[in-house]
């Protein structure tokens, strides 16, 4: 049976996972009566809730005499590290482009990575059935993108398939009047993607690009057999990044078939499989025959651009809601995550209970925080910061290319918002109802931007971004919060009586009958300074009748703060307290006296 290895790449929400669903349904893998849920490749709870793919995943289907191994990749820029690793495993890519949205920033990123690896591209113009879809315009944009990225003549001769992943239809015809199933797409994969450049002859070479975990066999490395044959119970060597060699026995071999992992006795060159047997196998290691020292090139991953400080929880409410609260448990969990996600870096401050965690963006780190929270961890995190570089004595900061699609009515507001965050307009394309703006702006200008952007566009705007390069740092505060915070004066339970009198000072994040502590942020102030307020004061009960009418206090609905909203909101002197049941905002120094002392100390250091 011949093998074809292909990855599906695209911008976020262009329909990769839905397309894989339909390919599986129409192949010979799933029985007609077998239950099949939508977006079945998104197995993670957070993925299904948010409707995005976070982790790259492998599957395969049988089509005639061919086994097609398919890698479903994330579309969000923050998970670009997953896409980069996949490129080493496959021989061709399906580039999905939304027929309405056209080419987006992440489309450019993933295609650049594919062209660098000299992979054969197949362009799929997806969502052809959407209202206002313009397939011909999208094809022209794709051609322009290929030329901009320096594609050679062979890569420019790519086949074009028009498809609707949701309906399970594909066609070579732009009019889409002869589309019945996914056969045109499957035929194109078989005919256009070359068979793996691998040989069963010679010493074994296998390299894991992804990590999976099974509670029965432990840690597994998912990768491609570049040379030779893998067999169960065979003794092999693992060559680490530092050159050390460890021998182990292959306990299990798994092949991904449809939605299941199937045990297999052997895997030949070119196949994508998972191996179990080495408890600490890492991404980028080389598995070879015992005695061989020929290692495959290490996987290159772009550097992280954003970092956050993780700390053990030291608030007055620490240990009340979480299952894992100690530094050793948090350290163990972060170490486990680093082994699985090569885009993540963790640096523990010597002996202290804090960790500097670096990733590819706010969402990348936010997903890690949400995963740990659901597992029962309790900890605190600081405001996200961009990672600066010093080159020839000068400080450089990361810049992003930002693409905005907004209704014409809100263009002025959007330009003012991004201009205040030091964004430079590169291109403006105005349509009948919608305008597309391309900006170059510092990465720190994106921190805390999303909430304000959705407000000024009334929720109709779409913003996406991709890392550009490092440029000289602007000595200007970018993206800080304009309003101050409302801070609790005492520990206790909030009362409607106290909050009713304080509502004209700002908006609250919580309602009545909620436990708070001194230094906890309970709302946003109307003005630009912080204000300490007493939200736990109770009405004095006496036997004297009041002259006025005693009416029940009705409070305004509090602002609901999600994890992302909290990361957008906080300033450098504030923290987010994360527990399985609650997300609280607090000042780094809880008492007013500590905050004043720190303020004086910082001023003295600056002078």
Protein backbone atom coordinates (compact mmCIF):
# COMPACT_ATOMS: atom_id res chain seq x y z
CA UNK A 1 0.00 0.00 0.00
CA UNK A 2 1.50 3.34 -1.07
CA UNK A 3 1.80 6.16 1.47
CA UNK A 4 0.99 9.86 1.04
CA UNK A 5 1.84 12.31 3.86
CA UNK A 6 0.02 15.63 3.73
CA UNK A 7 -0.60 18.52 6.17
CA UNK A 8 -3.62 20.83 6.12
CA UNK A 9 -2.55 24.44 6.75
CA UNK A 10 -4.58 27.67 6.84
CA UNK A 11 -5.46 30.77 8.80
CA UNK A 12 -7.62 30.27 11.91
CA UNK A 13 -11.29 29.42 11.19
CA UNK A 14 -10.81 28.67 7.47
CA UNK A 15 -12.21 25.14 7.90
CA UNK A 16 -9.27 22.72 8.28
CA UNK A 17 -10.77 20.46 10.95
CA UNK A 18 -14.22 20.38 9.27
CA UNK A 19 -12.59 19.36 5.98
CA UNK A 20 -10.72 16.49 7.71
CA UNK A 21 -14.09 15.37 9.15
CA UNK A 22 -15.60 15.02 5.68
CA UNK A 23 -12.53 13.27 4.26
CA UNK A 24 -12.75 10.68 7.06
CA UNK A 25 -16.50 10.23 6.58
CA UNK A 26 -16.16 9.65 2.82
CA UNK A 27 -13.14 7.33 3.08
CA UNK A 28 -13.20 3.61 3.82
CA UNK A 29 -12.27 4.14 7.49
CA UNK A 30 -15.64 4.88 9.12
CA UNK A 31 -18.62 2.53 8.89
CA UNK A 32 -21.88 4.07 7.68
CA UNK A 33 -23.51 3.52 11.07
CA UNK A 34 -20.52 4.67 13.13
CA UNK A 35 -21.12 7.74 15.34
CA UNK A 36 -19.09 10.69 14.17
CA UNK A 37 -19.26 14.07 15.93
CA UNK A 38 -18.45 17.36 14.23
CA UNK A 39 -14.83 18.58 14.42
CA UNK A 40 -13.86 15.16 15.78
CA UNK A 41 -10.12 15.98 15.54
CA UNK A 42 -10.58 18.72 18.17
CA UNK A 43 -10.47 16.24 21.06
CA UNK A 44 -9.39 18.76 23.71
CA UNK A 45 -12.28 20.34 25.72
CA UNK A 46 -10.85 23.85 25.31
CA UNK A 47 -10.55 23.30 21.54
CA UNK A 48 -14.19 22.31 21.24
CA UNK A 49 -15.38 25.21 23.42
CA UNK A 50 -13.40 27.86 21.55
CA UNK A 51 -13.78 26.37 18.10
CA UNK A 52 -10.04 26.48 17.38
CA UNK A 53 -7.36 23.82 16.94
CA UNK A 54 -4.57 24.16 19.51
CA UNK A 55 -2.57 20.96 19.07
CA UNK A 56 -1.51 19.42 15.77
CA UNK A 57 -2.96 15.92 15.39
CA UNK A 58 -2.40 12.94 13.13
CA UNK A 59 -4.91 10.71 11.40
CA UNK A 60 -4.96 8.52 8.30
CA UNK A 61 -7.48 7.20 5.82
CA UNK A 62 -7.54 4.47 3.18
CA UNK A 63 -8.37 5.57 -0.37
CA UNK A 64 -8.13 2.75 -2.88
CA UNK A 65 -4.56 1.38 -2.73
CA UNK A 66 -3.26 4.39 -0.81
CA UNK A 67 -2.87 5.25 2.86
CA UNK A 68 -3.10 9.02 3.24
CA UNK A 69 -1.60 10.29 6.51
CA UNK A 70 -3.17 13.68 7.32
CA UNK A 71 -1.81 16.19 9.86
CA UNK A 72 -4.42 18.70 11.11
CA UNK A 73 -2.60 21.86 12.23
CA UNK A 74 -3.57 24.93 14.30
CA UNK A 75 -4.40 28.12 12.41
CA UNK A 76 -3.73 30.67 15.13
CA UNK A 77 -0.40 32.53 15.01
CA UNK A 78 0.34 31.71 18.67
CA UNK A 79 0.53 27.98 17.84
CA UNK A 80 2.84 28.39 14.85
CA UNK A 81 5.41 26.17 16.57
CA UNK A 82 3.09 23.18 16.07
CA UNK A 83 2.91 23.94 12.32
CA UNK A 84 6.70 24.27 11.94
CA UNK A 85 7.36 20.80 13.35
CA UNK A 86 4.74 19.18 11.10
CA UNK A 87 6.47 20.42 7.94
CA UNK A 88 9.32 17.92 8.50
CA UNK A 89 6.91 14.97 8.45
CA UNK A 90 4.97 15.58 5.24
CA UNK A 91 5.66 15.74 1.49
CA UNK A 92 2.78 18.01 0.49
CA UNK A 93 0.36 20.55 1.96
CA UNK A 94 -3.27 21.45 1.42
CA UNK A 95 -3.39 25.25 1.65
CA UNK A 96 -6.95 26.17 2.63
CA UNK A 97 -8.12 29.70 1.88
CA UNK A 98 -11.58 31.02 2.75
CA UNK A 99 -13.36 32.13 -0.46
CA UNK A 100 -14.82 35.17 1.34
CA UNK A 101 -11.99 36.29 3.66
CA UNK A 102 -9.20 35.58 1.16
CA UNK A 103 -5.52 35.53 2.13
CA UNK A 104 -4.94 36.33 5.83
CA UNK A 105 -1.71 36.87 7.86
CA UNK A 106 -1.42 33.27 9.09
CA UNK A 107 -1.95 32.02 5.51
CA UNK A 108 1.26 33.87 4.63
CA UNK A 109 3.14 32.39 7.62
CA UNK A 110 2.19 28.74 7.06
CA UNK A 111 2.76 28.93 3.29
CA UNK A 112 6.23 30.44 3.82
CA UNK A 113 7.15 27.50 6.07
CA UNK A 114 5.85 25.01 3.47
CA UNK A 115 7.77 26.63 0.61
CA UNK A 116 10.98 26.70 2.69
CA UNK A 117 10.67 22.91 3.08
CA UNK A 118 10.16 22.55 -0.73
CA UNK A 119 6.76 20.90 -0.17
CA UNK A 120 4.22 20.39 -2.96
CA UNK A 121 1.24 22.72 -2.41
CA UNK A 122 -2.38 22.01 -3.33
CA UNK A 123 -4.61 25.11 -3.02
CA UNK A 124 -8.13 24.48 -1.72
CA UNK A 125 -10.54 27.44 -2.02
CA UNK A 126 -12.87 26.48 0.84
CA UNK A 127 -16.32 27.73 1.95
CA UNK A 128 -17.28 28.33 -1.69
CA UNK A 129 -20.95 28.13 -0.61
CA UNK A 130 -20.69 31.17 1.71
CA UNK A 131 -22.62 34.35 0.84
CA UNK A 132 -20.37 36.93 -0.88
CA UNK A 133 -17.69 34.29 -1.59
CA UNK A 134 -15.44 35.43 -4.45
CA UNK A 135 -13.35 32.44 -5.55
CA UNK A 136 -11.72 34.15 -8.55
CA UNK A 137 -10.51 37.11 -6.46
CA UNK A 138 -9.19 34.69 -3.81
CA UNK A 139 -7.24 32.68 -6.43
CA UNK A 140 -5.59 35.91 -7.65
CA UNK A 141 -4.63 36.77 -4.04
CA UNK A 142 -3.11 33.29 -3.63
CA UNK A 143 -1.04 33.68 -6.82
CA UNK A 144 0.22 37.07 -5.60
CA UNK A 145 1.13 35.52 -2.25
CA UNK A 146 3.13 32.70 -3.87
CA UNK A 147 5.08 35.23 -5.96
CA UNK A 148 5.69 37.50 -2.93
CA UNK A 149 7.13 34.53 -1.02
CA UNK A 150 9.50 33.65 -3.86
CA UNK A 151 7.92 30.35 -4.98
CA UNK A 152 9.77 28.59 -7.81
CA UNK A 153 8.15 27.66 -11.14
CA UNK A 154 7.35 24.11 -10.02
CA UNK A 155 5.60 25.36 -6.85
CA UNK A 156 3.61 27.91 -8.89
CA UNK A 157 2.11 25.06 -10.93
CA UNK A 158 -0.21 24.15 -8.08
CA UNK A 159 -3.61 22.50 -8.65
CA UNK A 160 -6.69 24.39 -7.43
CA UNK A 161 -9.67 22.63 -5.84
CA UNK A 162 -12.92 24.42 -4.96
CA UNK A 163 -14.59 22.94 -1.88
CA UNK A 164 -17.18 23.23 0.82
CA UNK A 165 -15.87 21.41 3.90
CA UNK A 166 -19.21 21.80 5.68
CA UNK A 167 -21.18 20.14 2.86
CA UNK A 168 -18.44 17.62 2.01
CA UNK A 169 -18.21 18.69 -1.64
CA UNK A 170 -15.24 19.45 -3.92
CA UNK A 171 -14.76 20.25 -7.59
CA UNK A 172 -12.17 21.36 -10.17
CA UNK A 173 -14.78 23.77 -11.52
CA UNK A 174 -15.12 27.27 -10.02
CA UNK A 175 -18.87 27.27 -10.82
CA UNK A 176 -19.19 24.29 -8.41
CA UNK A 177 -22.13 22.81 -10.36
CA UNK A 178 -20.58 19.32 -10.68
CA UNK A 179 -19.57 18.83 -7.00
CA UNK A 180 -20.87 15.56 -5.46
CA UNK A 181 -18.23 14.45 -2.94
CA UNK A 182 -14.56 14.78 -1.89
CA UNK A 183 -13.24 12.50 -4.67
CA UNK A 184 -11.61 15.33 -6.71
CA UNK A 185 -9.62 16.41 -3.65
CA UNK A 186 -8.57 12.86 -2.72
CA UNK A 187 -7.56 12.13 -6.33
CA UNK A 188 -5.45 15.31 -6.39
CA UNK A 189 -3.66 14.32 -3.15
CA UNK A 190 -2.84 10.88 -4.56
CA UNK A 191 -1.66 12.18 -7.96
CA UNK A 192 0.08 15.41 -6.95
CA UNK A 193 1.74 14.71 -3.56
CA UNK A 194 4.93 12.66 -4.07
CA UNK A 195 5.50 9.45 -2.14
CA UNK A 196 7.82 9.84 0.89
CA UNK A 197 11.51 10.26 0.08
CA UNK A 198 12.46 7.40 2.38
CA UNK A 199 14.05 3.99 2.02
CA UNK A 200 13.57 0.73 3.93
CA UNK A 201 17.24 -0.02 3.30
CA UNK A 202 19.94 1.24 5.67
CA UNK A 203 20.03 1.95 9.40
CA UNK A 204 16.89 3.12 11.18
CA UNK A 205 16.14 6.86 11.53
CA UNK A 206 12.99 8.11 13.28
CA UNK A 207 12.35 11.59 14.69
CA UNK A 208 9.38 12.59 16.89
CA UNK A 209 7.83 15.97 16.05
CA UNK A 210 4.86 15.71 18.46
CA UNK A 211 4.34 14.18 21.88
CA UNK A 212 1.28 12.21 22.96
CA UNK A 213 0.47 10.59 26.31
CA UNK A 214 -1.29 7.37 27.19
CA UNK A 215 -1.96 6.43 30.82
CA UNK A 216 -1.11 2.79 30.10
CA UNK A 217 2.16 3.14 28.15
CA UNK A 218 3.12 6.68 29.20
CA UNK A 219 4.81 9.18 26.92
CA UNK A 220 4.80 8.55 23.17
CA UNK A 221 6.70 10.26 20.36
CA UNK A 222 4.77 10.85 17.10
CA UNK A 223 7.00 11.15 14.08
CA UNK A 224 8.07 9.88 10.69
CA UNK A 225 10.27 6.89 9.87
CA UNK A 226 12.89 8.56 7.63
CA UNK A 227 14.86 5.37 6.96
CA UNK A 228 14.76 1.67 7.79
CA UNK A 229 11.98 -0.19 9.59
CA UNK A 230 10.60 0.11 13.14
CA UNK A 231 9.58 -3.10 14.94
CA UNK A 232 7.98 -3.81 18.31
CA UNK A 233 10.37 -5.23 20.97
CA UNK A 234 13.39 -4.04 18.99
CA UNK A 235 16.26 -2.42 20.93
CA UNK A 236 17.11 1.03 19.56
CA UNK A 237 19.14 4.10 20.58
CA UNK A 238 17.87 7.62 21.22
CA UNK A 239 20.31 10.45 20.37
CA UNK A 240 19.51 13.53 22.45
CA UNK A 241 20.00 17.19 21.49
CA UNK A 242 23.13 17.36 23.68
CA UNK A 243 24.63 14.29 21.94
CA UNK A 244 24.03 11.78 24.77
CA UNK A 245 22.70 8.35 23.75
CA UNK A 246 20.17 6.18 25.62
CA UNK A 247 19.17 2.66 24.60
CA UNK A 248 15.61 1.41 25.06
CA UNK A 249 13.15 -1.21 23.82
CA UNK A 250 10.16 -0.24 21.68
CA UNK A 251 7.24 -1.49 23.77
CA UNK A 252 4.37 -0.36 21.52
CA UNK A 253 3.88 1.02 18.02
CA UNK A 254 0.68 2.88 17.16
CA UNK A 255 -0.69 3.98 13.81
CA UNK A 256 -3.39 6.67 13.68
CA UNK A 257 -6.31 5.29 11.66
CA UNK A 258 -9.43 7.45 11.47
CA UNK A 259 -10.18 8.60 15.02
CA UNK A 260 -8.36 5.69 16.71
CA UNK A 261 -4.84 4.61 17.59
CA UNK A 262 -4.27 1.10 16.25
CA UNK A 263 -1.42 -1.11 17.48
CA UNK A 264 0.91 -2.34 14.76
CA UNK A 265 3.89 -4.70 14.78
CA UNK A 266 6.08 -2.68 12.39
CA UNK A 267 6.30 0.57 10.46
CA UNK A 268 8.19 1.09 7.24
CA UNK A 269 10.04 4.12 5.90
CA UNK A 270 7.78 7.08 5.15
CA UNK A 271 5.04 6.11 7.63
CA UNK A 272 3.91 8.38 10.50
CA UNK A 273 3.54 6.44 13.76
CA UNK A 274 3.79 6.82 17.55
CA UNK A 275 6.35 4.86 19.58
CA UNK A 276 6.28 4.08 23.30
CA UNK A 277 9.10 2.74 25.44
CA UNK A 278 11.19 5.76 26.48
CA UNK A 279 9.65 7.68 29.38
CA UNK A 280 11.32 11.00 28.52
CA UNK A 281 11.43 11.02 24.72
CA UNK A 282 11.62 14.61 23.44
CA UNK A 283 10.67 16.45 20.28
CA UNK A 284 13.66 16.52 17.91
CA UNK A 285 15.45 13.43 19.31
CA UNK A 286 16.67 10.85 16.76
CA UNK A 287 15.83 7.15 17.24
CA UNK A 288 18.39 4.96 15.45
CA UNK A 289 19.67 1.40 15.44
CA UNK A 290 21.94 0.51 18.39
CA UNK A 291 25.51 1.52 17.58
CA UNK A 292 24.57 4.18 15.02
CA UNK A 293 25.47 7.81 15.82
CA UNK A 294 23.95 9.43 12.72
CA UNK A 295 21.43 12.00 14.03
CA UNK A 296 18.83 13.88 12.00
CA UNK A 297 19.00 17.73 11.96
CA UNK A 298 17.36 19.37 14.96
CA UNK A 299 13.93 20.90 14.44
CA UNK A 300 14.17 24.71 14.14
CA UNK A 301 11.48 26.58 16.05
CA UNK A 302 10.99 30.37 16.05
CA UNK A 303 11.76 32.07 19.37
CA UNK A 304 8.96 33.05 21.80
CA UNK A 305 7.95 36.74 21.83
CA UNK A 306 5.81 37.11 25.00
CA UNK A 307 6.50 36.17 28.61
CA UNK A 308 4.59 36.06 31.90
CA UNK A 309 5.65 35.48 35.49
CA UNK A 310 3.93 32.51 37.16
CA UNK A 311 3.94 32.59 41.00
CA UNK A 312 2.62 30.45 43.81
CA UNK A 313 -0.56 31.90 45.30
CA UNK A 314 0.16 34.01 48.41
CA UNK A 315 -3.18 35.81 48.70
CA UNK A 316 -5.32 35.56 51.87
CA UNK A 317 -7.53 33.03 50.03
CA UNK A 318 -4.70 30.72 48.96
CA UNK A 319 -5.26 26.98 49.33
CA UNK A 320 -9.05 27.24 49.71
CA UNK A 321 -10.10 26.21 46.19
CA UNK A 322 -7.13 24.53 44.50
CA UNK A 323 -5.93 20.94 44.63
CA UNK A 324 -2.29 21.67 43.65
CA UNK A 325 -0.88 24.81 45.28
CA UNK A 326 2.77 24.07 46.12
CA UNK A 327 5.78 25.23 44.11
CA UNK A 328 6.92 21.64 43.48
CA UNK A 329 3.57 20.69 41.85
CA UNK A 330 3.54 23.81 39.65
CA UNK A 331 7.18 23.23 38.69
CA UNK A 332 6.42 19.61 37.77
CA UNK A 333 3.43 20.66 35.62
CA UNK A 334 5.37 23.37 33.78
CA UNK A 335 8.26 20.96 33.13
CA UNK A 336 5.78 18.45 31.67
CA UNK A 337 4.35 21.15 29.37
CA UNK A 338 7.81 22.16 28.11
CA UNK A 339 8.51 18.55 27.07
CA UNK A 340 5.35 18.58 24.95
CA UNK A 341 5.43 22.14 23.57
CA UNK A 342 8.79 23.16 22.11
CA UNK A 343 7.56 26.76 21.55
CA UNK A 344 7.34 27.21 25.33
CA UNK A 345 10.26 28.12 27.60
CA UNK A 346 10.29 28.08 31.40
CA UNK A 347 13.01 29.70 33.52
CA UNK A 348 12.78 29.20 37.27
CA UNK A 349 14.23 31.97 39.39
CA UNK A 350 16.82 30.31 41.63
CA UNK A 351 15.21 29.06 44.84
CA UNK A 352 12.17 31.33 44.57
CA UNK A 353 8.57 30.32 43.99
CA UNK A 354 8.27 32.05 40.61
CA UNK A 355 8.78 31.02 36.98
CA UNK A 356 9.26 33.13 33.85
CA UNK A 357 7.16 31.40 31.16
CA UNK A 358 7.76 32.50 27.56
CA UNK A 359 5.48 31.70 24.61
CA UNK A 360 4.39 32.81 21.17
CA UNK A 361 1.56 35.11 22.29
CA UNK A 362 -1.16 35.90 24.82
CA UNK A 363 -3.44 33.08 23.59
CA UNK A 364 -0.59 30.54 23.75
CA UNK A 365 0.02 31.34 27.44
CA UNK A 366 -3.70 31.78 28.15
CA UNK A 367 -4.45 28.22 26.98
CA UNK A 368 -1.73 26.87 29.30
CA UNK A 369 -3.19 28.83 32.25
CA UNK A 370 -6.73 27.60 31.49
CA UNK A 371 -5.53 23.97 31.17
CA UNK A 372 -3.70 24.13 34.52
CA UNK A 373 -6.72 25.74 36.16
CA UNK A 374 -9.01 22.94 34.99
CA UNK A 375 -6.56 20.36 36.31
CA UNK A 376 -6.90 21.81 39.84
CA UNK A 377 -3.87 24.12 40.04
CA UNK A 378 -3.89 27.35 42.01
CA UNK A 379 -1.34 30.07 41.21
CA UNK A 380 -0.85 33.70 40.17
CA UNK A 381 0.34 35.31 36.93
CA UNK A 382 1.64 38.75 36.05
CA UNK A 383 0.86 40.96 33.05
CA UNK A 384 2.18 39.62 29.70
CA UNK A 385 5.34 41.39 28.48
CA UNK A 386 7.14 41.26 25.15
CA UNK A 387 10.65 39.81 25.05
CA UNK A 388 13.24 42.46 24.14
CA UNK A 389 16.62 41.81 22.49
CA UNK A 390 19.84 43.75 22.81
CA UNK A 391 21.73 44.02 19.49
CA UNK A 392 24.98 46.07 19.28
CA UNK A 393 24.13 47.93 22.47
CA UNK A 394 20.62 48.93 21.30
CA UNK A 395 17.30 47.51 22.49
CA UNK A 396 15.06 45.90 19.87
CA UNK A 397 11.42 44.84 20.28
CA UNK A 398 9.20 42.46 18.25
CA UNK A 399 6.89 43.93 15.62
CA UNK A 400 3.73 42.38 14.20
CA UNK A 401 1.87 42.67 10.93
CA UNK A 402 -1.74 43.36 11.91
CA UNK A 403 -4.67 42.89 9.54
CA UNK A 404 -8.03 44.46 10.37
CA UNK A 405 -11.34 43.89 8.57
CA UNK A 406 -13.96 46.35 9.78
CA UNK A 407 -17.25 47.85 8.53
CA UNK A 408 -16.65 51.23 6.88
CA UNK A 409 -18.52 53.06 9.68
CA UNK A 410 -15.82 52.20 12.23
CA UNK A 411 -12.65 52.81 10.18
CA UNK A 412 -11.94 56.17 11.85
CA UNK A 413 -12.27 54.73 15.37
CA UNK A 414 -10.04 51.75 14.51
CA UNK A 415 -7.33 53.99 12.98
CA UNK A 416 -7.35 56.20 16.07
CA UNK A 417 -7.11 53.18 18.38
CA UNK A 418 -4.19 51.56 16.52
CA UNK A 419 -2.49 54.92 15.94
CA UNK A 420 -2.40 55.52 19.70
CA UNK A 421 -0.59 52.18 20.01
CA UNK A 422 2.11 53.27 17.56
CA UNK A 423 0.72 51.34 14.57
CA UNK A 424 1.75 52.48 11.06
CA UNK A 425 -0.71 52.02 8.17
CA UNK A 426 0.95 50.03 5.36
CA UNK A 427 -2.05 49.36 3.12
CA UNK A 428 -5.73 50.25 3.00
CA UNK A 429 -8.25 48.46 0.77
CA UNK A 430 -11.76 49.93 0.95
CA UNK A 431 -14.69 47.86 -0.29
CA UNK A 432 -18.39 48.61 -0.62
CA UNK A 433 -19.25 47.66 2.98
CA UNK A 434 -15.94 46.67 4.56
CA UNK A 435 -12.39 48.03 4.73
CA UNK A 436 -9.18 46.01 5.13
CA UNK A 437 -6.29 47.75 6.92
CA UNK A 438 -2.72 46.42 7.15
CA UNK A 439 -0.58 47.79 9.99
CA UNK A 440 2.94 47.30 11.29
CA UNK A 441 3.01 47.86 15.06
CA UNK A 442 4.98 46.87 18.17
CA UNK A 443 3.88 43.57 19.75
CA UNK A 444 3.32 45.32 23.09
CA UNK A 445 0.64 47.41 21.38
CA UNK A 446 -1.40 44.21 20.93
CA UNK A 447 -1.45 43.43 24.67
CA UNK A 448 -4.83 44.54 25.97
CA UNK A 449 -6.04 45.56 22.50
CA UNK A 450 -8.75 42.98 21.79
CA UNK A 451 -11.37 44.24 24.29
CA UNK A 452 -11.04 47.85 23.10
CA UNK A 453 -11.07 46.78 19.43
CA UNK A 454 -14.32 44.82 19.83
CA UNK A 455 -15.84 47.80 21.66
CA UNK A 456 -15.02 50.38 18.95
CA UNK A 457 -16.21 48.04 16.13
CA UNK A 458 -19.36 46.98 18.06
CA UNK A 459 -18.17 43.35 17.74
CA UNK A 460 -18.17 43.38 13.91
CA UNK A 461 -14.41 43.83 13.44
CA UNK A 462 -11.93 41.00 12.77
CA UNK A 463 -8.28 41.41 13.75
CA UNK A 464 -5.42 38.98 13.14
CA UNK A 465 -1.66 39.35 13.44
CA UNK A 466 1.61 37.58 12.71
CA UNK A 467 5.16 38.12 13.97
CA UNK A 468 7.19 40.26 11.56
CA UNK A 469 10.70 40.98 12.91
CA UNK A 470 12.66 42.82 15.61
CA UNK A 471 13.01 46.61 15.22
CA UNK A 472 14.55 49.40 17.36
CA UNK A 473 12.48 49.94 20.49
CA UNK A 474 10.22 52.99 20.78
CA UNK A 475 10.80 54.80 24.10
CA UNK A 476 7.11 55.34 24.67
CA UNK A 477 4.53 53.63 26.86
CA UNK A 478 2.35 51.53 24.55
CA UNK A 479 -0.89 49.82 25.51
CA UNK A 480 -1.17 50.75 29.21
CA UNK A 481 -4.63 50.98 30.79
CA UNK A 482 -6.07 54.50 30.88
CA UNK A 483 -8.37 54.00 33.89
CA UNK A 484 -7.41 53.23 37.47
CA UNK A 485 -8.71 50.34 39.59
CA UNK A 486 -11.19 50.16 42.46
CA UNK A 487 -9.41 48.35 45.31
CA UNK A 488 -10.97 46.74 48.38
CA UNK A 489 -10.02 48.32 51.70
CA UNK A 490 -10.89 45.36 53.94
CA UNK A 491 -11.39 41.61 53.94
CA UNK A 492 -14.96 40.39 54.16
CA UNK A 493 -18.13 39.88 52.13
CA UNK A 494 -19.37 42.57 49.75
CA UNK A 495 -22.71 44.19 50.58
CA UNK A 496 -25.30 45.79 48.30
CA UNK A 497 -25.54 48.66 50.80
CA UNK A 498 -21.85 49.64 50.39
CA UNK A 499 -21.69 49.02 46.63
CA UNK A 500 -24.86 51.02 46.00
CA UNK A 501 -23.19 54.19 47.33
CA UNK A 502 -20.01 53.51 45.32
CA UNK A 503 -21.52 52.77 41.90
CA UNK A 504 -20.96 56.32 40.64
CA UNK A 505 -17.18 55.79 41.15
CA UNK A 506 -16.91 53.20 38.40
CA UNK A 507 -17.98 49.73 37.21
CA UNK A 508 -17.72 46.63 39.44
CA UNK A 509 -16.41 43.17 38.45
CA UNK A 510 -18.46 41.37 41.12
CA UNK A 511 -21.83 41.61 42.81
CA UNK A 512 -23.00 41.50 46.43
CA UNK A 513 -22.31 38.59 48.82
CA UNK A 514 -18.85 37.81 47.37
CA UNK A 515 -15.78 37.29 49.55
CA UNK A 516 -12.99 39.86 48.99
CA UNK A 517 -9.69 40.72 50.69
CA UNK A 518 -7.62 43.86 51.19
CA UNK A 519 -5.80 44.80 47.98
CA UNK A 520 -8.17 42.85 45.70
CA UNK A 521 -9.35 44.73 42.59
CA UNK A 522 -13.14 44.85 42.58
CA UNK A 523 -13.77 47.20 39.64
CA UNK A 524 -12.55 49.84 37.22
CA UNK A 525 -12.38 53.50 38.32
CA UNK A 526 -13.90 56.30 36.24
CA UNK A 527 -10.65 58.28 36.53
CA UNK A 528 -7.02 57.46 35.80
CA UNK A 529 -5.96 56.90 39.44
CA UNK A 530 -6.50 53.92 41.76
CA UNK A 531 -9.14 54.32 44.47
CA UNK A 532 -9.35 52.31 47.70
CA UNK A 533 -12.99 51.70 48.71
CA UNK A 534 -14.87 49.87 51.45
CA UNK A 535 -17.22 47.39 49.76
CA UNK A 536 -17.89 45.31 52.89
CA UNK A 537 -19.54 48.02 55.01
CA UNK A 538 -22.89 46.96 56.43
CA UNK A 539 -25.86 49.16 57.25
CA UNK A 540 -25.99 50.11 60.91
CA UNK A 541 -29.10 48.56 62.44
CA UNK A 542 -30.81 50.68 65.12
CA UNK A 543 -34.29 50.82 66.59
CA UNK A 544 -34.74 54.35 65.26
CA UNK A 545 -36.95 54.77 62.21
CA UNK A 546 -35.39 56.58 59.24
CA UNK A 547 -37.11 59.74 58.01
CA UNK A 548 -36.83 58.68 54.39
CA UNK A 549 -38.26 55.59 52.75
CA UNK A 550 -36.16 52.43 53.21
CA UNK A 551 -35.79 50.99 49.69
CA UNK A 552 -33.96 47.88 48.54
CA UNK A 553 -30.66 48.62 46.76
CA UNK A 554 -30.62 47.42 43.13
CA UNK A 555 -27.09 47.13 41.72
CA UNK A 556 -26.03 47.37 38.09
CA UNK A 557 -24.96 44.12 36.46
CA UNK A 558 -21.23 43.56 37.12
CA UNK A 559 -18.73 43.21 34.25
CA UNK A 560 -17.92 39.53 33.67
CA UNK A 561 -14.16 39.14 33.37
CA UNK A 562 -12.83 36.13 31.46
CA UNK A 563 -9.18 35.07 31.72
CA UNK A 564 -8.33 36.89 28.45
CA UNK A 565 -10.15 40.03 29.64
CA UNK A 566 -8.14 39.95 32.90
CA UNK A 567 -4.85 39.58 30.98
CA UNK A 568 -5.89 42.59 28.88
CA UNK A 569 -6.89 44.63 31.94
CA UNK A 570 -4.04 44.37 34.45
CA UNK A 571 -1.06 46.73 34.71
CA UNK A 572 2.53 45.93 35.70
CA UNK A 573 1.82 46.33 39.46
CA UNK A 574 -1.10 43.87 39.42
CA UNK A 575 -1.57 40.08 39.35
CA UNK A 576 -4.26 37.59 38.35
CA UNK A 577 -5.08 34.96 40.98
CA UNK A 578 -6.04 31.72 39.22
CA UNK A 579 -7.96 28.96 41.01
CA UNK A 580 -10.19 26.14 39.67
CA UNK A 581 -13.30 28.04 40.81
CA UNK A 582 -12.35 31.72 40.56
CA UNK A 583 -10.29 34.28 38.65
CA UNK A 584 -9.48 37.29 40.84
CA UNK A 585 -7.55 40.49 40.17
CA UNK A 586 -5.28 41.91 42.87
CA UNK A 587 -2.51 44.41 43.48
CA UNK A 588 0.98 42.95 43.73
CA UNK A 589 1.33 44.70 47.12
CA UNK A 590 -1.91 44.26 49.03
CA UNK A 591 -1.78 47.04 51.67
CA UNK A 592 -1.78 50.76 50.85
CA UNK A 593 1.34 51.18 53.02
CA UNK A 594 3.29 48.57 51.00
CA UNK A 595 2.22 50.21 47.72
CA UNK A 596 3.39 53.65 48.88
CA UNK A 597 6.71 52.22 50.05
CA UNK A 598 7.25 50.53 46.70
CA UNK A 599 6.32 53.71 44.82
CA UNK A 600 8.89 55.75 46.77
CA UNK A 601 11.54 53.05 46.24
CA UNK A 602 10.97 52.99 42.46
CA UNK A 603 11.16 56.81 42.25
CA UNK A 604 14.44 56.83 44.19
CA UNK A 605 15.91 54.18 41.84
CA UNK A 606 14.91 56.20 38.77
CA UNK A 607 16.48 59.37 40.17
